[in-house]
Amino acid sequence: MPLVRIALRQGKPAAHRRAVADAVHRAMVETIDVPPQDRFQVITEHPADGLVYDPAYLGIQRTDDVVLVQITLNAGRTLEKKKALYARIADLLAEGPGLRREDVFVSLVEVPRENWSFGNGVAQYAGA
């Protein structure tokens, strides 16, 4: 049910992009109970002037390797699960493609269950 959007600087190899996508999905499976086959991701690459971020907001020193992850998902996860998700994404991105934890920005967009259609023009989660 999550829809993940990953934005990063243009020029990274395909293996790097795939490692980022895999790490984000793995973190969701491990921390917020997303089924392993529930994978919908959009990865966009941006030129230097198309990825705007503050390099020191909240005292966090970011580099041009910054990755912006936006996850749209059903509302209702606990604060503890959200915190676990943020930490696991940062950990896995540090392990996999070798990103600095400071360069991992995550945003959750929570929506009601009826705001999804997975195909056939049907709101599968809306109930009967």
C-alpha atoms as a PDB file:
ATOM      1  CA  MET A   1       0.000   0.000   0.000  1.00  0.00           C
ATOM      2  CA  PRO A   2       2.833   2.501   0.338  1.00  0.00           C
ATOM      3  CA  LEU A   3       3.804   4.569  -2.665  1.00  0.00           C
ATOM      4  CA  VAL A   4       7.448   5.561  -2.354  1.00  0.00           C
ATOM      5  CA  ARG A   5       9.062   8.472  -4.176  1.00  0.00           C
ATOM      6  CA  ILE A   6      12.831   8.658  -4.076  1.00  0.00           C
ATOM      7  CA  ALA A   7      14.622  11.764  -5.365  1.00  0.00           C
ATOM      8  CA  LEU A   8      18.378  11.919  -5.786  1.00  0.00           C
ATOM      9  CA  ARG A   9      21.115  13.731  -7.684  1.00  0.00           C
ATOM     10  CA  GLN A  10      21.484  12.842 -11.344  1.00  0.00           C
ATOM     11  CA  GLY A  11      24.373  10.634 -12.382  1.00  0.00           C
ATOM     12  CA  LYS A  12      24.259   7.774  -9.893  1.00  0.00           C
ATOM     13  CA  PRO A  13      24.696   4.321 -11.452  1.00  0.00           C
ATOM     14  CA  ALA A  14      21.729   1.972 -11.775  1.00  0.00           C
ATOM     15  CA  ALA A  15      23.140  -0.272  -9.021  1.00  0.00           C
ATOM     16  CA  HIS A  16      23.130   2.674  -6.591  1.00  0.00           C
ATOM     17  CA  ARG A  17      19.532   3.590  -7.429  1.00  0.00           C
ATOM     18  CA  ARG A  18      18.468  -0.046  -7.033  1.00  0.00           C
ATOM     19  CA  ALA A  19      20.279  -0.337  -3.688  1.00  0.00           C
ATOM     20  CA  VAL A  20      18.476   2.760  -2.396  1.00  0.00           C
ATOM     21  CA  ALA A  21      15.087   1.438  -3.541  1.00  0.00           C
ATOM     22  CA  ASP A  22      15.766  -2.021  -2.079  1.00  0.00           C
ATOM     23  CA  ALA A  23      16.867  -0.575   1.269  1.00  0.00           C
ATOM     24  CA  VAL A  24      13.782   1.625   1.611  1.00  0.00           C
ATOM     25  CA  HIS A  25      11.480  -1.286   0.810  1.00  0.00           C
ATOM     26  CA  ARG A  26      13.297  -3.635   3.187  1.00  0.00           C
ATOM     27  CA  ALA A  27      13.009  -1.072   5.991  1.00  0.00           C
ATOM     28  CA  MET A  28       9.246  -0.788   5.446  1.00  0.00           C
ATOM     29  CA  VAL A  29       8.823  -4.573   5.503  1.00  0.00           C
ATOM     30  CA  GLU A  30      10.899  -4.893   8.673  1.00  0.00           C
ATOM     31  CA  THR A  31       9.437  -1.990  10.668  1.00  0.00           C
ATOM     32  CA  ILE A  32       5.929  -1.023   9.553  1.00  0.00           C
ATOM     33  CA  ASP A  33       4.492  -4.386   8.471  1.00  0.00           C
ATOM     34  CA  VAL A  34       4.432  -3.802   4.723  1.00  0.00           C
ATOM     35  CA  PRO A  35       3.991  -7.098   2.841  1.00  0.00           C
ATOM     36  CA  PRO A  36       7.132  -7.968   0.841  1.00  0.00           C
ATOM     37  CA  GLN A  37       5.295  -8.008  -2.510  1.00  0.00           C
ATOM     38  CA  ASP A  38       3.614  -4.619  -1.852  1.00  0.00           C
ATOM     39  CA  ARG A  39       6.229  -2.595  -3.717  1.00  0.00           C
ATOM     40  CA  PHE A  40       5.457   0.576  -5.668  1.00  0.00           C
ATOM     41  CA  GLN A  41       8.325   3.035  -6.085  1.00  0.00           C
ATOM     42  CA  VAL A  42       9.177   5.998  -8.297  1.00  0.00           C
ATOM     43  CA  ILE A  43      12.822   7.026  -8.512  1.00  0.00           C
ATOM     44  CA  THR A  44      13.639  10.403  -9.996  1.00  0.00           C
ATOM     45  CA  GLU A  45      17.033  11.867 -10.736  1.00  0.00           C
ATOM     46  CA  HIS A  46      17.531  15.619 -10.707  1.00  0.00           C
ATOM     47  CA  PRO A  47      20.210  17.969 -12.029  1.00  0.00           C
ATOM     48  CA  ALA A  48      22.091  20.100  -9.500  1.00  0.00           C
ATOM     49  CA  ASP A  49      19.594  22.964  -9.810  1.00  0.00           C
ATOM     50  CA  GLY A  50      16.608  20.605  -9.642  1.00  0.00           C
ATOM     51  CA  LEU A  51      17.245  19.168  -6.192  1.00  0.00           C
ATOM     52  CA  VAL A  52      17.084  21.991  -3.681  1.00  0.00           C
ATOM     53  CA  TYR A  53      17.864  21.387  -0.009  1.00  0.00           C
ATOM     54  CA  ASP A  54      19.384  23.275   2.894  1.00  0.00           C
ATOM     55  CA  PRO A  55      22.852  21.871   3.600  1.00  0.00           C
ATOM     56  CA  ALA A  56      22.638  22.583   7.357  1.00  0.00           C
ATOM     57  CA  TYR A  57      18.967  22.720   8.412  1.00  0.00           C
ATOM     58  CA  LEU A  58      18.510  21.668  12.069  1.00  0.00           C
ATOM     59  CA  GLY A  59      22.290  21.365  12.396  1.00  0.00           C
ATOM     60  CA  ILE A  60      22.467  18.344  10.086  1.00  0.00           C
ATOM     61  CA  GLN A  61      25.293  18.688   7.550  1.00  0.00           C
ATOM     62  CA  ARG A  62      24.046  17.428   4.159  1.00  0.00           C
ATOM     63  CA  THR A  63      26.018  16.855   0.971  1.00  0.00           C
ATOM     64  CA  ASP A  64      25.075  16.552  -2.686  1.00  0.00           C
ATOM     65  CA  ASP A  65      24.472  12.848  -2.024  1.00  0.00           C
ATOM     66  CA  VAL A  66      21.251  13.770  -0.224  1.00  0.00           C
ATOM     67  CA  VAL A  67      18.345  11.406  -0.903  1.00  0.00           C
ATOM     68  CA  LEU A  68      14.763  12.555  -0.361  1.00  0.00           C
ATOM     69  CA  VAL A  69      12.318   9.730   0.409  1.00  0.00           C
ATOM     70  CA  GLN A  70       8.589  10.433   0.512  1.00  0.00           C
ATOM     71  CA  ILE A  71       6.324   7.572   1.534  1.00  0.00           C
ATOM     72  CA  THR A  72       2.554   7.822   1.105  1.00  0.00           C
ATOM     73  CA  LEU A  73       0.861   5.212   3.277  1.00  0.00           C
ATOM     74  CA  ASN A  74      -2.262   4.414   5.259  1.00  0.00           C
ATOM     75  CA  ALA A  75      -2.691   6.493   8.404  1.00  0.00           C
ATOM     76  CA  GLY A  76      -2.428   4.845  11.787  1.00  0.00           C
ATOM     77  CA  ARG A  77       1.147   3.754  12.426  1.00  0.00           C
ATOM     78  CA  THR A  78       2.440   4.466  15.936  1.00  0.00           C
ATOM     79  CA  LEU A  79       5.172   7.006  16.599  1.00  0.00           C
ATOM     80  CA  GLU A  80       7.437   4.130  17.660  1.00  0.00           C
ATOM     81  CA  LYS A  81       6.978   2.374  14.309  1.00  0.00           C
ATOM     82  CA  LYS A  82       7.666   5.599  12.428  1.00  0.00           C
ATOM     83  CA  LYS A  83      10.847   6.229  14.391  1.00  0.00           C
ATOM     84  CA  ALA A  84      11.947   2.641  13.769  1.00  0.00           C
ATOM     85  CA  LEU A  85      11.309   3.138  10.043  1.00  0.00           C
ATOM     86  CA  TYR A  86      13.385   6.331   9.863  1.00  0.00           C
ATOM     87  CA  ALA A  87      16.284   4.700  11.703  1.00  0.00           C
ATOM     88  CA  ARG A  88      16.164   1.509   9.654  1.00  0.00           C
ATOM     89  CA  ILE A  89      16.125   3.396   6.343  1.00  0.00           C
ATOM     90  CA  ALA A  90      19.162   5.434   7.428  1.00  0.00           C
ATOM     91  CA  ASP A  91      20.960   2.300   8.674  1.00  0.00           C
ATOM     92  CA  LEU A  92      20.311   0.287   5.523  1.00  0.00           C
ATOM     93  CA  LEU A  93      21.298   3.155   3.223  1.00  0.00           C
ATOM     94  CA  ALA A  94      24.533   3.529   5.164  1.00  0.00           C
ATOM     95  CA  GLU A  95      25.211  -0.225   4.814  1.00  0.00           C
ATOM     96  CA  GLY A  96      24.121  -0.691   1.183  1.00  0.00           C
ATOM     97  CA  PRO A  97      25.075   2.080  -1.156  1.00  0.00           C
ATOM     98  CA  GLY A  98      27.134   3.748   1.595  1.00  0.00           C
ATOM     99  CA  LEU A  99      25.129   6.921   2.099  1.00  0.00           C
ATOM    100  CA  ARG A 100      25.805   9.110   5.104  1.00  0.00           C
ATOM    101  CA  ARG A 101      22.931   9.037   7.610  1.00  0.00           C
ATOM    102  CA  GLU A 102      22.928  12.854   7.449  1.00  0.00           C
ATOM    103  CA  ASP A 103      22.043  12.645   3.738  1.00  0.00           C
ATOM    104  CA  VAL A 104      18.842  10.652   4.293  1.00  0.00           C
ATOM    105  CA  PHE A 105      15.658  12.760   4.416  1.00  0.00           C
ATOM    106  CA  VAL A 106      12.368  10.895   4.967  1.00  0.00           C
ATOM    107  CA  SER A 107       8.841  12.256   4.874  1.00  0.00           C
ATOM    108  CA  LEU A 108       5.629  10.320   5.524  1.00  0.00           C
ATOM    109  CA  VAL A 109       2.296  11.308   3.978  1.00  0.00           C
ATOM    110  CA  GLU A 110      -0.549   9.523   5.737  1.00  0.00           C
ATOM    111  CA  VAL A 111      -3.864   9.069   3.955  1.00  0.00           C
ATOM    112  CA  PRO A 112      -7.165   7.309   4.722  1.00  0.00           C
ATOM    113  CA  ARG A 113      -7.458   3.729   3.435  1.00  0.00           C
ATOM    114  CA  GLU A 114     -10.128   4.651   0.894  1.00  0.00           C
ATOM    115  CA  ASN A 115      -7.655   6.902  -0.953  1.00  0.00           C
ATOM    116  CA  TRP A 116      -6.143   3.988  -2.918  1.00  0.00           C
ATOM    117  CA  SER A 117      -6.987   2.205  -6.136  1.00  0.00           C
ATOM    118  CA  PHE A 118      -4.530  -0.515  -7.140  1.00  0.00           C
ATOM    119  CA  GLY A 119      -6.184  -1.112 -10.505  1.00  0.00           C
ATOM    120  CA  ASN A 120      -9.474  -1.781 -12.267  1.00  0.00           C
ATOM    121  CA  GLY A 121     -10.901   1.527 -11.004  1.00  0.00           C
ATOM    122  CA  VAL A 122     -11.685  -0.097  -7.644  1.00  0.00           C
ATOM    123  CA  ALA A 123     -10.964   1.265  -4.159  1.00  0.00           C
ATOM    124  CA  GLN A 124      -9.689  -2.077  -2.843  1.00  0.00           C
ATOM    125  CA  TYR A 125      -9.209  -0.875   0.747  1.00  0.00           C
ATOM    126  CA  ALA A 126     -12.512   1.032   1.011  1.00  0.00           C
ATOM    127  CA  GLY A 127     -14.485  -1.976   2.247  1.00  0.00           C
ATOM    128  CA  ALA A 128     -17.902  -3.124   1.107  1.00  0.00           C
END
